[in-house]
Amino acid sequence: MGADHDRGCLMSNLYKALIFTAIPIVLLSLVSVFSKQPDLNKGLGIAWLVAGNIWLIALLTALGFYIRKSKEIARGVLAGAMIGFASLAITMIIFIIVHQTE
């Protein structure tokens, strides 16, 4: 079951971890852009705060996997968290620009 089994897998653990970490953060941060409320504590802006909390949990999860010596999964979670961080930063800038022009 060693290397031959890994070659037959459709996706490695790294890519699975990356996808399952990045998708929720990116989707929630994109949803927050469509908020009509200028306050992040109301409307769809809450989605951005939830995405930020998921990002923090992802960092702690990556640390846990790294400590458990599952470095491939830790790298995937960390890569997904960095993609999520980029989406959080970009959507926050968009949110600020949109609501300052109103």
N, C-alpha and C. Protein backbone atom coordinates (compact mmCIF):
# COMPACT_ATOMS: atom_id res chain seq x y z
N MET A 1 0.81 -1.20 0.00
CA MET A 1 0.00 0.00 0.00
C MET A 1 0.85 1.26 0.00
N GLY A 2 2.07 1.29 -0.18
CA GLY A 2 2.93 2.46 -0.06
C GLY A 2 2.81 3.42 -1.22
N ALA A 3 3.90 3.54 -1.97
CA ALA A 3 3.98 4.53 -3.03
C ALA A 3 3.03 4.20 -4.19
N ASP A 4 2.82 2.91 -4.46
CA ASP A 4 1.91 2.55 -5.55
C ASP A 4 0.49 2.99 -5.26
N HIS A 5 0.08 2.89 -4.01
CA HIS A 5 -1.27 3.32 -3.64
C HIS A 5 -1.41 4.83 -3.79
N ASP A 6 -0.38 5.59 -3.42
CA ASP A 6 -0.45 7.05 -3.51
C ASP A 6 -0.53 7.53 -4.95
N ARG A 7 0.12 6.82 -5.88
CA ARG A 7 0.10 7.23 -7.27
C ARG A 7 -1.28 7.04 -7.89
N GLY A 8 -2.05 6.09 -7.39
CA GLY A 8 -3.36 5.81 -7.94
C GLY A 8 -4.44 6.75 -7.43
N CYS A 9 -4.15 7.53 -6.42
CA CYS A 9 -5.15 8.45 -5.86
C CYS A 9 -5.39 9.60 -6.82
N LEU A 10 -6.63 10.02 -6.87
CA LEU A 10 -6.99 11.14 -7.74
C LEU A 10 -6.38 12.44 -7.23
N MET A 11 -6.45 12.67 -5.93
CA MET A 11 -5.88 13.87 -5.32
C MET A 11 -5.09 13.47 -4.08
N SER A 12 -3.98 14.13 -3.89
CA SER A 12 -3.19 13.86 -2.69
C SER A 12 -3.81 14.57 -1.50
N ASN A 13 -3.35 14.22 -0.32
CA ASN A 13 -3.84 14.86 0.91
C ASN A 13 -3.56 16.36 0.91
N LEU A 14 -2.45 16.76 0.30
CA LEU A 14 -2.11 18.18 0.23
C LEU A 14 -3.19 18.94 -0.52
N TYR A 15 -3.60 18.45 -1.68
CA TYR A 15 -4.60 19.15 -2.47
C TYR A 15 -5.98 19.10 -1.83
N LYS A 16 -6.31 17.98 -1.21
CA LYS A 16 -7.58 17.89 -0.50
C LYS A 16 -7.64 18.93 0.62
N ALA A 17 -6.58 19.01 1.40
CA ALA A 17 -6.52 19.97 2.51
C ALA A 17 -6.60 21.40 1.99
N LEU A 18 -5.90 21.67 0.89
CA LEU A 18 -5.91 23.01 0.31
C LEU A 18 -7.32 23.38 -0.14
N ILE A 19 -7.98 22.49 -0.85
CA ILE A 19 -9.32 22.78 -1.37
C ILE A 19 -10.33 22.93 -0.24
N PHE A 20 -10.30 22.00 0.72
CA PHE A 20 -11.29 22.05 1.80
C PHE A 20 -11.06 23.21 2.76
N THR A 21 -9.88 23.79 2.74
CA THR A 21 -9.61 24.96 3.57
C THR A 21 -9.95 26.25 2.81
N ALA A 22 -9.54 26.34 1.57
CA ALA A 22 -9.69 27.58 0.82
C ALA A 22 -11.13 27.87 0.41
N ILE A 23 -11.87 26.86 -0.02
CA ILE A 23 -13.21 27.10 -0.57
C ILE A 23 -14.15 27.79 0.41
N PRO A 24 -14.30 27.32 1.65
CA PRO A 24 -15.23 28.02 2.55
C PRO A 24 -14.83 29.47 2.84
N ILE A 25 -13.54 29.69 3.00
CA ILE A 25 -13.08 31.05 3.30
C ILE A 25 -13.32 31.98 2.12
N VAL A 26 -12.98 31.52 0.93
CA VAL A 26 -13.16 32.34 -0.28
C VAL A 26 -14.63 32.61 -0.54
N LEU A 27 -15.47 31.59 -0.43
CA LEU A 27 -16.90 31.78 -0.68
C LEU A 27 -17.53 32.76 0.30
N LEU A 28 -17.23 32.60 1.58
CA LEU A 28 -17.80 33.50 2.58
C LEU A 28 -17.31 34.94 2.40
N SER A 29 -16.04 35.08 2.05
CA SER A 29 -15.53 36.45 1.86
C SER A 29 -16.13 37.08 0.61
N LEU A 30 -16.40 36.29 -0.43
CA LEU A 30 -17.05 36.82 -1.62
C LEU A 30 -18.50 37.20 -1.34
N VAL A 31 -19.18 36.41 -0.53
CA VAL A 31 -20.57 36.72 -0.17
C VAL A 31 -20.63 38.06 0.56
N SER A 32 -19.64 38.35 1.37
CA SER A 32 -19.66 39.59 2.15
C SER A 32 -19.57 40.84 1.28
N VAL A 33 -19.04 40.70 0.08
CA VAL A 33 -18.93 41.86 -0.82
C VAL A 33 -20.31 42.37 -1.21
N PHE A 34 -21.30 41.48 -1.25
CA PHE A 34 -22.63 41.87 -1.69
C PHE A 34 -23.50 42.43 -0.57
N SER A 35 -22.90 42.68 0.58
CA SER A 35 -23.65 43.22 1.71
C SER A 35 -24.04 44.67 1.43
N LYS A 36 -25.27 45.00 1.73
CA LYS A 36 -25.76 46.37 1.56
C LYS A 36 -25.48 47.22 2.80
N GLN A 37 -25.08 46.57 3.89
CA GLN A 37 -24.82 47.27 5.15
C GLN A 37 -23.36 47.74 5.18
N PRO A 38 -23.10 49.00 5.55
CA PRO A 38 -21.72 49.46 5.66
C PRO A 38 -21.01 48.93 6.92
N ASP A 39 -21.77 48.30 7.80
CA ASP A 39 -21.22 47.78 9.04
C ASP A 39 -21.01 46.27 8.90
N LEU A 40 -19.82 45.79 9.24
CA LEU A 40 -19.53 44.36 9.12
C LEU A 40 -20.32 43.51 10.10
N ASN A 41 -20.89 44.12 11.12
CA ASN A 41 -21.65 43.35 12.11
C ASN A 41 -23.11 43.15 11.71
N LYS A 42 -23.49 43.59 10.53
CA LYS A 42 -24.86 43.46 10.06
C LYS A 42 -24.88 42.87 8.66
N GLY A 43 -25.99 42.29 8.30
CA GLY A 43 -26.18 41.80 6.93
C GLY A 43 -25.17 40.71 6.56
N LEU A 44 -24.79 40.73 5.30
CA LEU A 44 -23.87 39.72 4.80
C LEU A 44 -22.43 39.97 5.24
N GLY A 45 -22.19 41.12 5.84
CA GLY A 45 -20.85 41.41 6.36
C GLY A 45 -20.42 40.43 7.43
N ILE A 46 -21.40 39.81 8.07
CA ILE A 46 -21.08 38.79 9.08
C ILE A 46 -20.36 37.62 8.43
N ALA A 47 -20.66 37.35 7.16
CA ALA A 47 -19.99 36.26 6.45
C ALA A 47 -18.48 36.49 6.43
N TRP A 48 -18.05 37.75 6.31
CA TRP A 48 -16.63 38.04 6.31
C TRP A 48 -16.01 37.71 7.67
N LEU A 49 -16.72 38.05 8.74
CA LEU A 49 -16.23 37.75 10.08
C LEU A 49 -16.15 36.24 10.32
N VAL A 50 -17.14 35.51 9.82
CA VAL A 50 -17.11 34.04 9.93
C VAL A 50 -15.93 33.49 9.15
N ALA A 51 -15.69 34.02 7.95
CA ALA A 51 -14.55 33.57 7.15
C ALA A 51 -13.23 33.84 7.89
N GLY A 52 -13.15 34.98 8.55
CA GLY A 52 -11.94 35.29 9.33
C GLY A 52 -11.74 34.31 10.47
N ASN A 53 -12.82 33.91 11.11
CA ASN A 53 -12.71 32.91 12.18
C ASN A 53 -12.30 31.55 11.64
N ILE A 54 -12.83 31.18 10.48
CA ILE A 54 -12.43 29.92 9.86
C ILE A 54 -10.95 29.97 9.51
N TRP A 55 -10.47 31.15 9.07
CA TRP A 55 -9.05 31.30 8.75
C TRP A 55 -8.18 31.07 9.99
N LEU A 56 -8.59 31.63 11.12
CA LEU A 56 -7.84 31.42 12.37
C LEU A 56 -7.84 29.94 12.77
N ILE A 57 -8.99 29.30 12.63
CA ILE A 57 -9.09 27.87 12.95
C ILE A 57 -8.20 27.06 12.01
N ALA A 58 -8.12 27.47 10.75
CA ALA A 58 -7.27 26.77 9.78
C ALA A 58 -5.80 26.86 10.18
N LEU A 59 -5.38 28.02 10.68
CA LEU A 59 -3.99 28.15 11.12
C LEU A 59 -3.70 27.22 12.30
N LEU A 60 -4.62 27.15 13.24
CA LEU A 60 -4.44 26.24 14.39
C LEU A 60 -4.47 24.78 13.94
N THR A 61 -5.32 24.47 12.97
CA THR A 61 -5.39 23.11 12.44
C THR A 61 -4.08 22.73 11.76
N ALA A 62 -3.53 23.65 10.98
CA ALA A 62 -2.25 23.39 10.31
C ALA A 62 -1.15 23.14 11.34
N LEU A 63 -1.15 23.91 12.41
CA LEU A 63 -0.18 23.70 13.48
C LEU A 63 -0.35 22.32 14.11
N GLY A 64 -1.61 21.92 14.34
CA GLY A 64 -1.88 20.61 14.91
C GLY A 64 -1.39 19.48 14.02
N PHE A 65 -1.65 19.59 12.71
CA PHE A 65 -1.18 18.56 11.78
C PHE A 65 0.34 18.54 11.70
N TYR A 66 0.96 19.71 11.79
CA TYR A 66 2.43 19.76 11.75
C TYR A 66 3.01 19.08 12.99
N ILE A 67 2.41 19.32 14.15
CA ILE A 67 2.88 18.69 15.38
C ILE A 67 2.71 17.17 15.31
N ARG A 68 1.60 16.72 14.69
CA ARG A 68 1.33 15.28 14.55
C ARG A 68 2.17 14.64 13.46
N LYS A 69 3.06 15.39 12.84
CA LYS A 69 3.95 14.90 11.79
C LYS A 69 3.22 14.59 10.48
N SER A 70 2.05 15.18 10.28
CA SER A 70 1.33 15.06 9.01
C SER A 70 1.63 16.33 8.20
N LYS A 71 2.88 16.44 7.78
CA LYS A 71 3.34 17.68 7.17
C LYS A 71 2.68 17.97 5.83
N GLU A 72 2.33 16.93 5.07
CA GLU A 72 1.68 17.16 3.78
C GLU A 72 0.31 17.82 3.98
N ILE A 73 -0.45 17.33 4.94
CA ILE A 73 -1.76 17.91 5.22
C ILE A 73 -1.59 19.32 5.80
N ALA A 74 -0.60 19.49 6.67
CA ALA A 74 -0.34 20.82 7.25
C ALA A 74 -0.01 21.83 6.16
N ARG A 75 0.79 21.42 5.18
CA ARG A 75 1.12 22.33 4.07
C ARG A 75 -0.12 22.68 3.26
N GLY A 76 -0.99 21.70 3.03
CA GLY A 76 -2.21 21.96 2.28
C GLY A 76 -3.14 22.91 3.01
N VAL A 77 -3.31 22.69 4.31
CA VAL A 77 -4.17 23.58 5.11
C VAL A 77 -3.57 24.98 5.14
N LEU A 78 -2.27 25.08 5.29
CA LEU A 78 -1.61 26.39 5.32
C LEU A 78 -1.73 27.09 3.98
N ALA A 79 -1.57 26.36 2.88
CA ALA A 79 -1.73 26.96 1.55
C ALA A 79 -3.16 27.44 1.35
N GLY A 80 -4.13 26.64 1.78
CA GLY A 80 -5.54 27.05 1.69
C GLY A 80 -5.82 28.27 2.55
N ALA A 81 -5.20 28.32 3.72
CA ALA A 81 -5.38 29.47 4.60
C ALA A 81 -4.78 30.74 3.98
N MET A 82 -3.66 30.60 3.28
CA MET A 82 -3.06 31.77 2.64
C MET A 82 -3.91 32.26 1.47
N ILE A 83 -4.50 31.33 0.72
CA ILE A 83 -5.44 31.72 -0.34
C ILE A 83 -6.64 32.43 0.30
N GLY A 84 -7.12 31.87 1.40
CA GLY A 84 -8.23 32.49 2.12
C GLY A 84 -7.87 33.86 2.64
N PHE A 85 -6.66 34.03 3.15
CA PHE A 85 -6.22 35.34 3.64
C PHE A 85 -6.21 36.36 2.51
N ALA A 86 -5.73 35.94 1.35
CA ALA A 86 -5.71 36.85 0.20
C ALA A 86 -7.13 37.26 -0.18
N SER A 87 -8.05 36.31 -0.16
CA SER A 87 -9.44 36.66 -0.51
C SER A 87 -10.06 37.56 0.56
N LEU A 88 -9.73 37.33 1.82
CA LEU A 88 -10.23 38.20 2.89
C LEU A 88 -9.71 39.62 2.71
N ALA A 89 -8.43 39.75 2.40
CA ALA A 89 -7.83 41.08 2.23
C ALA A 89 -8.43 41.80 1.03
N ILE A 90 -8.57 41.09 -0.09
CA ILE A 90 -9.11 41.70 -1.30
C ILE A 90 -10.57 42.12 -1.09
N THR A 91 -11.36 41.23 -0.50
CA THR A 91 -12.77 41.58 -0.30
C THR A 91 -12.94 42.68 0.73
N MET A 92 -12.05 42.78 1.71
CA MET A 92 -12.12 43.88 2.67
C MET A 92 -11.83 45.21 1.97
N ILE A 93 -10.86 45.22 1.09
CA ILE A 93 -10.56 46.44 0.33
C ILE A 93 -11.75 46.82 -0.55
N ILE A 94 -12.34 45.85 -1.22
CA ILE A 94 -13.52 46.12 -2.05
C ILE A 94 -14.67 46.64 -1.19
N PHE A 95 -14.88 46.01 -0.03
CA PHE A 95 -15.94 46.41 0.89
C PHE A 95 -15.76 47.87 1.32
N ILE A 96 -14.53 48.24 1.66
CA ILE A 96 -14.24 49.61 2.10
C ILE A 96 -14.46 50.60 0.96
N ILE A 97 -13.99 50.27 -0.23
CA ILE A 97 -14.13 51.17 -1.38
C ILE A 97 -15.60 51.37 -1.73
N VAL A 98 -16.35 50.28 -1.77
CA VAL A 98 -17.77 50.36 -2.13
C VAL A 98 -18.55 51.19 -1.13
N HIS A 99 -18.29 50.99 0.16
CA HIS A 99 -19.08 51.68 1.17
C HIS A 99 -18.59 53.10 1.46
N GLN A 100 -17.40 53.46 1.03
CA GLN A 100 -16.95 54.84 1.18
C GLN A 100 -17.51 55.72 0.08
N THR A 101 -17.83 55.12 -1.05
CA THR A 101 -18.37 55.91 -2.16
C THR A 101 -19.87 56.14 -2.02
N GLU A 102 -20.51 55.47 -1.08
CA GLU A 102 -21.96 55.63 -0.88
C GLU A 102 -22.25 56.86 -0.05
